[in-house]
Amino acid sequence: MGTKTIRLDEDVYERIKRQKRSDETFSEAIDRLTGAPSLAELGGIVDLERVEKMEAAIEAADEADAAEVEEFLDEFR
């Protein structure tokens, strides 16, 4: 594997240096810090049925919150 020389601003270098583990090279640290999967690569991890259940739970919680706020306000009306 070859190498490349890159130029980093000092503040960027310092951020990487702070996050670099003692047992890794700068190259390994940059790979670890930037190696997260893209959103496109995450497609299909969560199935549609689970997403729909999550949406329903969020909607139910929102409705419960709205009802609680109305009950609270009714006490002052």
PDB file of N, CA and C in Angstrom:
ATOM      1  N   MET A   1       0.857  -1.167   0.000  1.00  0.00           N
ATOM      2  CA  MET A   1       0.000   0.000   0.000  1.00  0.00           C
ATOM      3  C   MET A   1       0.903   1.230   0.000  1.00  0.00           C
ATOM      4  N   GLY A   2       0.567   2.180  -0.822  1.00  0.00           N
ATOM      5  CA  GLY A   2       1.347   3.398  -0.916  1.00  0.00           C
ATOM      6  C   GLY A   2       0.965   4.407   0.139  1.00  0.00           C
ATOM      7  N   THR A   3       1.646   5.536   0.123  1.00  0.00           N
ATOM      8  CA  THR A   3       1.343   6.612   1.055  1.00  0.00           C
ATOM      9  C   THR A   3       1.136   7.898   0.275  1.00  0.00           C
ATOM     10  N   LYS A   4       0.468   8.843   0.896  1.00  0.00           N
ATOM     11  CA  LYS A   4       0.235  10.169   0.340  1.00  0.00           C
ATOM     12  C   LYS A   4       0.591  11.194   1.400  1.00  0.00           C
ATOM     13  N   THR A   5       1.098  12.301   0.973  1.00  0.00           N
ATOM     14  CA  THR A   5       1.355  13.416   1.868  1.00  0.00           C
ATOM     15  C   THR A   5       0.157  14.352   1.784  1.00  0.00           C
ATOM     16  N   ILE A   6      -0.365  14.733   2.952  1.00  0.00           N
ATOM     17  CA  ILE A   6      -1.495  15.660   2.982  1.00  0.00           C
ATOM     18  C   ILE A   6      -1.141  16.848   3.862  1.00  0.00           C
ATOM     19  N   ARG A   7      -1.842  17.936   3.667  1.00  0.00           N
ATOM     20  CA  ARG A   7      -1.632  19.129   4.470  1.00  0.00           C
ATOM     21  C   ARG A   7      -2.869  19.345   5.324  1.00  0.00           C
ATOM     22  N   LEU A   8      -2.666  19.544   6.615  1.00  0.00           N
ATOM     23  CA  LEU A   8      -3.766  19.790   7.544  1.00  0.00           C
ATOM     24  C   LEU A   8      -3.554  21.133   8.222  1.00  0.00           C
ATOM     25  N   ASP A   9      -4.640  21.851   8.438  1.00  0.00           N
ATOM     26  CA  ASP A   9      -4.552  23.044   9.263  1.00  0.00           C
ATOM     27  C   ASP A   9      -4.165  22.603  10.671  1.00  0.00           C
ATOM     28  N   GLU A  10      -3.500  23.465  11.411  1.00  0.00           N
ATOM     29  CA  GLU A  10      -3.026  23.099  12.743  1.00  0.00           C
ATOM     30  C   GLU A  10      -4.163  22.691  13.677  1.00  0.00           C
ATOM     31  N   ASP A  11      -5.296  23.391  13.592  1.00  0.00           N
ATOM     32  CA  ASP A  11      -6.407  23.043  14.476  1.00  0.00           C
ATOM     33  C   ASP A  11      -6.974  21.664  14.155  1.00  0.00           C
ATOM     34  N   VAL A  12      -6.994  21.301  12.878  1.00  0.00           N
ATOM     35  CA  VAL A  12      -7.467  19.974  12.482  1.00  0.00           C
ATOM     36  C   VAL A  12      -6.495  18.918  12.986  1.00  0.00           C
ATOM     37  N   TYR A  13      -5.202  19.181  12.803  1.00  0.00           N
ATOM     38  CA  TYR A  13      -4.174  18.260  13.289  1.00  0.00           C
ATOM     39  C   TYR A  13      -4.317  18.034  14.795  1.00  0.00           C
ATOM     40  N   GLU A  14      -4.534  19.094  15.548  1.00  0.00           N
ATOM     41  CA  GLU A  14      -4.651  18.980  17.001  1.00  0.00           C
ATOM     42  C   GLU A  14      -5.894  18.188  17.399  1.00  0.00           C
ATOM     43  N   ARG A  15      -7.016  18.391  16.671  1.00  0.00           N
ATOM     44  CA  ARG A  15      -8.223  17.606  16.966  1.00  0.00           C
ATOM     45  C   ARG A  15      -7.986  16.125  16.746  1.00  0.00           C
ATOM     46  N   ILE A  16      -7.313  15.792  15.641  1.00  0.00           N
ATOM     47  CA  ILE A  16      -7.009  14.380  15.371  1.00  0.00           C
ATOM     48  C   ILE A  16      -6.059  13.843  16.425  1.00  0.00           C
ATOM     49  N   LYS A  17      -5.072  14.630  16.772  1.00  0.00           N
ATOM     50  CA  LYS A  17      -4.080  14.205  17.770  1.00  0.00           C
ATOM     51  C   LYS A  17      -4.753  13.907  19.107  1.00  0.00           C
ATOM     52  N   ARG A  18      -5.728  14.740  19.513  1.00  0.00           N
ATOM     53  CA  ARG A  18      -6.437  14.518  20.775  1.00  0.00           C
ATOM     54  C   ARG A  18      -7.274  13.246  20.743  1.00  0.00           C
ATOM     55  N   GLN A  19      -7.794  12.901  19.567  1.00  0.00           N
ATOM     56  CA  GLN A  19      -8.657  11.728  19.451  1.00  0.00           C
ATOM     57  C   GLN A  19      -7.890  10.458  19.087  1.00  0.00           C
ATOM     58  N   LYS A  20      -6.627  10.602  18.740  1.00  0.00           N
ATOM     59  CA  LYS A  20      -5.797   9.464  18.374  1.00  0.00           C
ATOM     60  C   LYS A  20      -5.479   8.640  19.607  1.00  0.00           C
ATOM     61  N   ARG A  21      -5.642   7.338  19.476  1.00  0.00           N
ATOM     62  CA  ARG A  21      -5.312   6.436  20.575  1.00  0.00           C
ATOM     63  C   ARG A  21      -3.808   6.226  20.615  1.00  0.00           C
ATOM     64  N   SER A  22      -3.304   5.899  21.780  1.00  0.00           N
ATOM     65  CA  SER A  22      -1.848   5.770  21.936  1.00  0.00           C
ATOM     66  C   SER A  22      -1.258   4.635  21.101  1.00  0.00           C
ATOM     67  N   ASP A  23      -2.066   3.648  20.777  1.00  0.00           N
ATOM     68  CA  ASP A  23      -1.548   2.498  20.040  1.00  0.00           C
ATOM     69  C   ASP A  23      -1.820   2.558  18.535  1.00  0.00           C
ATOM     70  N   GLU A  24      -2.232   3.720  18.009  1.00  0.00           N
ATOM     71  CA  GLU A  24      -2.521   3.802  16.587  1.00  0.00           C
ATOM     72  C   GLU A  24      -1.748   4.930  15.927  1.00  0.00           C
ATOM     73  N   THR A  25      -1.530   4.770  14.641  1.00  0.00           N
ATOM     74  CA  THR A  25      -0.869   5.810  13.856  1.00  0.00           C
ATOM     75  C   THR A  25      -1.892   6.877  13.493  1.00  0.00           C
ATOM     76  N   PHE A  26      -1.424   8.000  12.974  1.00  0.00           N
ATOM     77  CA  PHE A  26      -2.349   9.028  12.519  1.00  0.00           C
ATOM     78  C   PHE A  26      -3.239   8.471  11.410  1.00  0.00           C
ATOM     79  N   SER A  27      -2.669   7.676  10.523  1.00  0.00           N
ATOM     80  CA  SER A  27      -3.454   7.087   9.441  1.00  0.00           C
ATOM     81  C   SER A  27      -4.564   6.204   9.998  1.00  0.00           C
ATOM     82  N   GLU A  28      -4.242   5.384  10.985  1.00  0.00           N
ATOM     83  CA  GLU A  28      -5.253   4.529  11.613  1.00  0.00           C
ATOM     84  C   GLU A  28      -6.322   5.359  12.315  1.00  0.00           C
ATOM     85  N   ALA A  29      -5.895   6.440  12.975  1.00  0.00           N
ATOM     86  CA  ALA A  29      -6.857   7.304  13.664  1.00  0.00           C
ATOM     87  C   ALA A  29      -7.806   7.956  12.664  1.00  0.00           C
ATOM     88  N   ILE A  30      -7.275   8.476  11.573  1.00  0.00           N
ATOM     89  CA  ILE A  30      -8.117   9.116  10.559  1.00  0.00           C
ATOM     90  C   ILE A  30      -9.063   8.094   9.950  1.00  0.00           C
ATOM     91  N   ASP A  31      -8.575   6.882   9.703  1.00  0.00           N
ATOM     92  CA  ASP A  31      -9.425   5.831   9.160  1.00  0.00           C
ATOM     93  C   ASP A  31     -10.559   5.511  10.126  1.00  0.00           C
ATOM     94  N   ARG A  32     -10.240   5.392  11.409  1.00  0.00           N
ATOM     95  CA  ARG A  32     -11.262   5.095  12.414  1.00  0.00           C
ATOM     96  C   ARG A  32     -12.271   6.231  12.510  1.00  0.00           C
ATOM     97  N   LEU A  33     -11.787   7.467  12.502  1.00  0.00           N
ATOM     98  CA  LEU A  33     -12.666   8.627  12.680  1.00  0.00           C
ATOM     99  C   LEU A  33     -13.523   8.925  11.453  1.00  0.00           C
ATOM    100  N   THR A  34     -13.075   8.522  10.288  1.00  0.00           N
ATOM    101  CA  THR A  34     -13.819   8.826   9.064  1.00  0.00           C
ATOM    102  C   THR A  34     -14.408   7.581   8.417  1.00  0.00           C
ATOM    103  N   GLY A  35     -14.207   6.427   9.021  1.00  0.00           N
ATOM    104  CA  GLY A  35     -14.619   5.182   8.391  1.00  0.00           C
ATOM    105  C   GLY A  35     -16.052   4.766   8.649  1.00  0.00           C
ATOM    106  N   ALA A  36     -16.885   5.639   9.168  1.00  0.00           N
ATOM    107  CA  ALA A  36     -18.280   5.288   9.430  1.00  0.00           C
ATOM    108  C   ALA A  36     -18.995   5.026   8.116  1.00  0.00           C
ATOM    109  N   PRO A  37     -19.949   4.123   8.122  1.00  0.00           N
ATOM    110  CA  PRO A  37     -20.681   3.851   6.881  1.00  0.00           C
ATOM    111  C   PRO A  37     -21.507   5.061   6.452  1.00  0.00           C
ATOM    112  N   SER A  38     -21.690   5.174   5.156  1.00  0.00           N
ATOM    113  CA  SER A  38     -22.532   6.261   4.645  1.00  0.00           C
ATOM    114  C   SER A  38     -23.993   5.897   4.835  1.00  0.00           C
ATOM    115  N   LEU A  39     -24.876   6.879   4.687  1.00  0.00           N
ATOM    116  CA  LEU A  39     -26.304   6.612   4.803  1.00  0.00           C
ATOM    117  C   LEU A  39     -26.752   5.597   3.759  1.00  0.00           C
ATOM    118  N   ALA A  40     -26.166   5.670   2.569  1.00  0.00           N
ATOM    119  CA  ALA A  40     -26.529   4.717   1.520  1.00  0.00           C
ATOM    120  C   ALA A  40     -26.176   3.293   1.931  1.00  0.00           C
ATOM    121  N   GLU A  41     -25.069   3.128   2.632  1.00  0.00           N
ATOM    122  CA  GLU A  41     -24.655   1.798   3.078  1.00  0.00           C
ATOM    123  C   GLU A  41     -25.533   1.272   4.207  1.00  0.00           C
ATOM    124  N   LEU A  42     -26.212   2.172   4.913  1.00  0.00           N
ATOM    125  CA  LEU A  42     -27.071   1.762   6.025  1.00  0.00           C
ATOM    126  C   LEU A  42     -28.445   1.300   5.563  1.00  0.00           C
ATOM    127  N   GLY A  43     -28.774   1.537   4.304  1.00  0.00           N
ATOM    128  CA  GLY A  43     -30.078   1.146   3.783  1.00  0.00           C
ATOM    129  C   GLY A  43     -30.351  -0.333   4.002  1.00  0.00           C
ATOM    130  N   GLY A  44     -31.545  -0.631   4.457  1.00  0.00           N
ATOM    131  CA  GLY A  44     -31.934  -2.022   4.660  1.00  0.00           C
ATOM    132  C   GLY A  44     -31.623  -2.573   6.030  1.00  0.00           C
ATOM    133  N   ILE A  45     -30.931  -1.832   6.866  1.00  0.00           N
ATOM    134  CA  ILE A  45     -30.607  -2.323   8.204  1.00  0.00           C
ATOM    135  C   ILE A  45     -31.857  -2.363   9.077  1.00  0.00           C
ATOM    136  N   VAL A  46     -32.659  -1.318   8.986  1.00  0.00           N
ATOM    137  CA  VAL A  46     -33.906  -1.255   9.757  1.00  0.00           C
ATOM    138  C   VAL A  46     -35.048  -1.531   8.786  1.00  0.00           C
ATOM    139  N   ASP A  47     -35.823  -2.558   9.069  1.00  0.00           N
ATOM    140  CA  ASP A  47     -36.897  -2.915   8.151  1.00  0.00           C
ATOM    141  C   ASP A  47     -38.081  -1.967   8.293  1.00  0.00           C
ATOM    142  N   LEU A  48     -38.904  -1.917   7.265  1.00  0.00           N
ATOM    143  CA  LEU A  48     -40.032  -0.979   7.199  1.00  0.00           C
ATOM    144  C   LEU A  48     -41.017  -1.198   8.334  1.00  0.00           C
ATOM    145  N   GLU A  49     -41.271  -2.445   8.708  1.00  0.00           N
ATOM    146  CA  GLU A  49     -42.222  -2.718   9.791  1.00  0.00           C
ATOM    147  C   GLU A  49     -41.751  -2.089  11.097  1.00  0.00           C
ATOM    148  N   ARG A  50     -40.462  -2.194  11.357  1.00  0.00           N
ATOM    149  CA  ARG A  50     -39.934  -1.602  12.593  1.00  0.00           C
ATOM    150  C   ARG A  50     -40.028  -0.080  12.556  1.00  0.00           C
ATOM    151  N   VAL A  51     -39.747   0.504  11.409  1.00  0.00           N
ATOM    152  CA  VAL A  51     -39.848   1.963  11.264  1.00  0.00           C
ATOM    153  C   VAL A  51     -41.285   2.409  11.501  1.00  0.00           C
ATOM    154  N   GLU A  52     -42.251   1.669  10.953  1.00  0.00           N
ATOM    155  CA  GLU A  52     -43.653   2.027  11.144  1.00  0.00           C
ATOM    156  C   GLU A  52     -44.060   1.934  12.610  1.00  0.00           C
ATOM    157  N   LYS A  53     -43.555   0.930  13.323  1.00  0.00           N
ATOM    158  CA  LYS A  53     -43.850   0.803  14.753  1.00  0.00           C
ATOM    159  C   LYS A  53     -43.256   1.974  15.527  1.00  0.00           C
ATOM    160  N   MET A  54     -42.048   2.375  15.144  1.00  0.00           N
ATOM    161  CA  MET A  54     -41.406   3.504  15.815  1.00  0.00           C
ATOM    162  C   MET A  54     -42.194   4.787  15.564  1.00  0.00           C
ATOM    163  N   GLU A  55     -42.635   4.992  14.322  1.00  0.00           N
ATOM    164  CA  GLU A  55     -43.422   6.175  13.990  1.00  0.00           C
ATOM    165  C   GLU A  55     -44.732   6.206  14.777  1.00  0.00           C
ATOM    166  N   ALA A  56     -45.379   5.043  14.889  1.00  0.00           N
ATOM    167  CA  ALA A  56     -46.638   4.962  15.635  1.00  0.00           C
ATOM    168  C   ALA A  56     -46.414   5.278  17.108  1.00  0.00           C
ATOM    169  N   ALA A  57     -45.323   4.787  17.676  1.00  0.00           N
ATOM    170  CA  ALA A  57     -45.019   5.056  19.080  1.00  0.00           C
ATOM    171  C   ALA A  57     -44.755   6.540  19.307  1.00  0.00           C
ATOM    172  N   ILE A  58     -44.046   7.162  18.387  1.00  0.00           N
ATOM    173  CA  ILE A  58     -43.767   8.598  18.499  1.00  0.00           C
ATOM    174  C   ILE A  58     -45.059   9.395  18.394  1.00  0.00           C
ATOM    175  N   GLU A  59     -45.910   9.022  17.450  1.00  0.00           N
ATOM    176  CA  GLU A  59     -47.197   9.714  17.283  1.00  0.00           C
ATOM    177  C   GLU A  59     -48.067   9.564  18.527  1.00  0.00           C
ATOM    178  N   ALA A  60     -48.110   8.366  19.093  1.00  0.00           N
ATOM    179  CA  ALA A  60     -48.909   8.134  20.306  1.00  0.00           C
ATOM    180  C   ALA A  60     -48.377   8.972  21.466  1.00  0.00           C
ATOM    181  N   ALA A  61     -47.057   9.047  21.589  1.00  0.00           N
ATOM    182  CA  ALA A  61     -46.462   9.852  22.653  1.00  0.00           C
ATOM    183  C   ALA A  61     -46.790  11.332  22.450  1.00  0.00           C
ATOM    184  N   ASP A  62     -46.742  11.794  21.208  1.00  0.00           N
ATOM    185  CA  ASP A  62     -47.084  13.188  20.917  1.00  0.00           C
ATOM    186  C   ASP A  62     -48.541  13.485  21.289  1.00  0.00           C
ATOM    187  N   GLU A  63     -49.435  12.563  20.943  1.00  0.00           N
ATOM    188  CA  GLU A  63     -50.851  12.750  21.274  1.00  0.00           C
ATOM    189  C   GLU A  63     -51.072  12.754  22.783  1.00  0.00           C
ATOM    190  N   ALA A  64     -50.386  11.871  23.492  1.00  0.00           N
ATOM    191  CA  ALA A  64     -50.510  11.830  24.951  1.00  0.00           C
ATOM    192  C   ALA A  64     -49.996  13.128  25.567  1.00  0.00           C
ATOM    193  N   ASP A  65     -48.885  13.629  25.043  1.00  0.00           N
ATOM    194  CA  ASP A  65     -48.347  14.894  25.538  1.00  0.00           C
ATOM    195  C   ASP A  65     -49.332  16.032  25.303  1.00  0.00           C
ATOM    196  N   ALA A  66     -49.923  16.077  24.118  1.00  0.00           N
ATOM    197  CA  ALA A  66     -50.882  17.140  23.799  1.00  0.00           C
ATOM    198  C   ALA A  66     -52.086  17.063  24.733  1.00  0.00           C
ATOM    199  N   ALA A  67     -52.570  15.850  25.013  1.00  0.00           N
ATOM    200  CA  ALA A  67     -53.716  15.694  25.916  1.00  0.00           C
ATOM    201  C   ALA A  67     -53.352  16.153  27.318  1.00  0.00           C
ATOM    202  N   GLU A  68     -52.152  15.846  27.752  1.00  0.00           N
ATOM    203  CA  GLU A  68     -51.710  16.256  29.090  1.00  0.00           C
ATOM    204  C   GLU A  68     -51.618  17.774  29.193  1.00  0.00           C
ATOM    205  N   VAL A  69     -51.138  18.409  28.159  1.00  0.00           N
ATOM    206  CA  VAL A  69     -51.052  19.867  28.150  1.00  0.00           C
ATOM    207  C   VAL A  69     -52.451  20.470  28.204  1.00  0.00           C
ATOM    208  N   GLU A  70     -53.394  19.915  27.442  1.00  0.00           N
ATOM    209  CA  GLU A  70     -54.772  20.414  27.453  1.00  0.00           C
ATOM    210  C   GLU A  70     -55.391  20.275  28.840  1.00  0.00           C
ATOM    211  N   GLU A  71     -55.176  19.131  29.496  1.00  0.00           N
ATOM    212  CA  GLU A  71     -55.704  18.929  30.846  1.00  0.00           C
ATOM    213  C   GLU A  71     -55.128  19.968  31.803  1.00  0.00           C
ATOM    214  N   PHE A  72     -53.856  20.238  31.672  1.00  0.00           N
ATOM    215  CA  PHE A  72     -53.199  21.221  32.534  1.00  0.00           C
ATOM    216  C   PHE A  72     -53.798  22.611  32.298  1.00  0.00           C
ATOM    217  N   LEU A  73     -53.962  22.968  31.026  1.00  0.00           N
ATOM    218  CA  LEU A  73     -54.520  24.284  30.717  1.00  0.00           C
ATOM    219  C   LEU A  73     -55.965  24.419  31.159  1.00  0.00           C
ATOM    220  N   ASP A  74     -56.731  23.324  31.092  1.00  0.00           N
ATOM    221  CA  ASP A  74     -58.132  23.356  31.524  1.00  0.00           C
ATOM    222  C   ASP A  74     -58.260  23.769  32.973  1.00  0.00           C
ATOM    223  N   GLU A  75     -57.270  23.456  33.771  1.00  0.00           N
ATOM    224  CA  GLU A  75     -57.303  23.815  35.199  1.00  0.00           C
ATOM    225  C   GLU A  75     -57.274  25.328  35.380  1.00  0.00           C
ATOM    226  N   PHE A  76     -56.758  26.063  34.417  1.00  0.00           N
ATOM    227  CA  PHE A  76     -56.621  27.517  34.522  1.00  0.00           C
ATOM    228  C   PHE A  76     -57.680  28.266  33.731  1.00  0.00           C
ATOM    229  N   ARG A  77     -58.541  27.571  33.056  1.00  0.00           N
ATOM    230  CA  ARG A  77     -59.563  28.229  32.238  1.00  0.00           C
ATOM    231  C   ARG A  77     -60.812  28.446  33.033  1.00  0.00           C
TER     232      ARG A  77
END
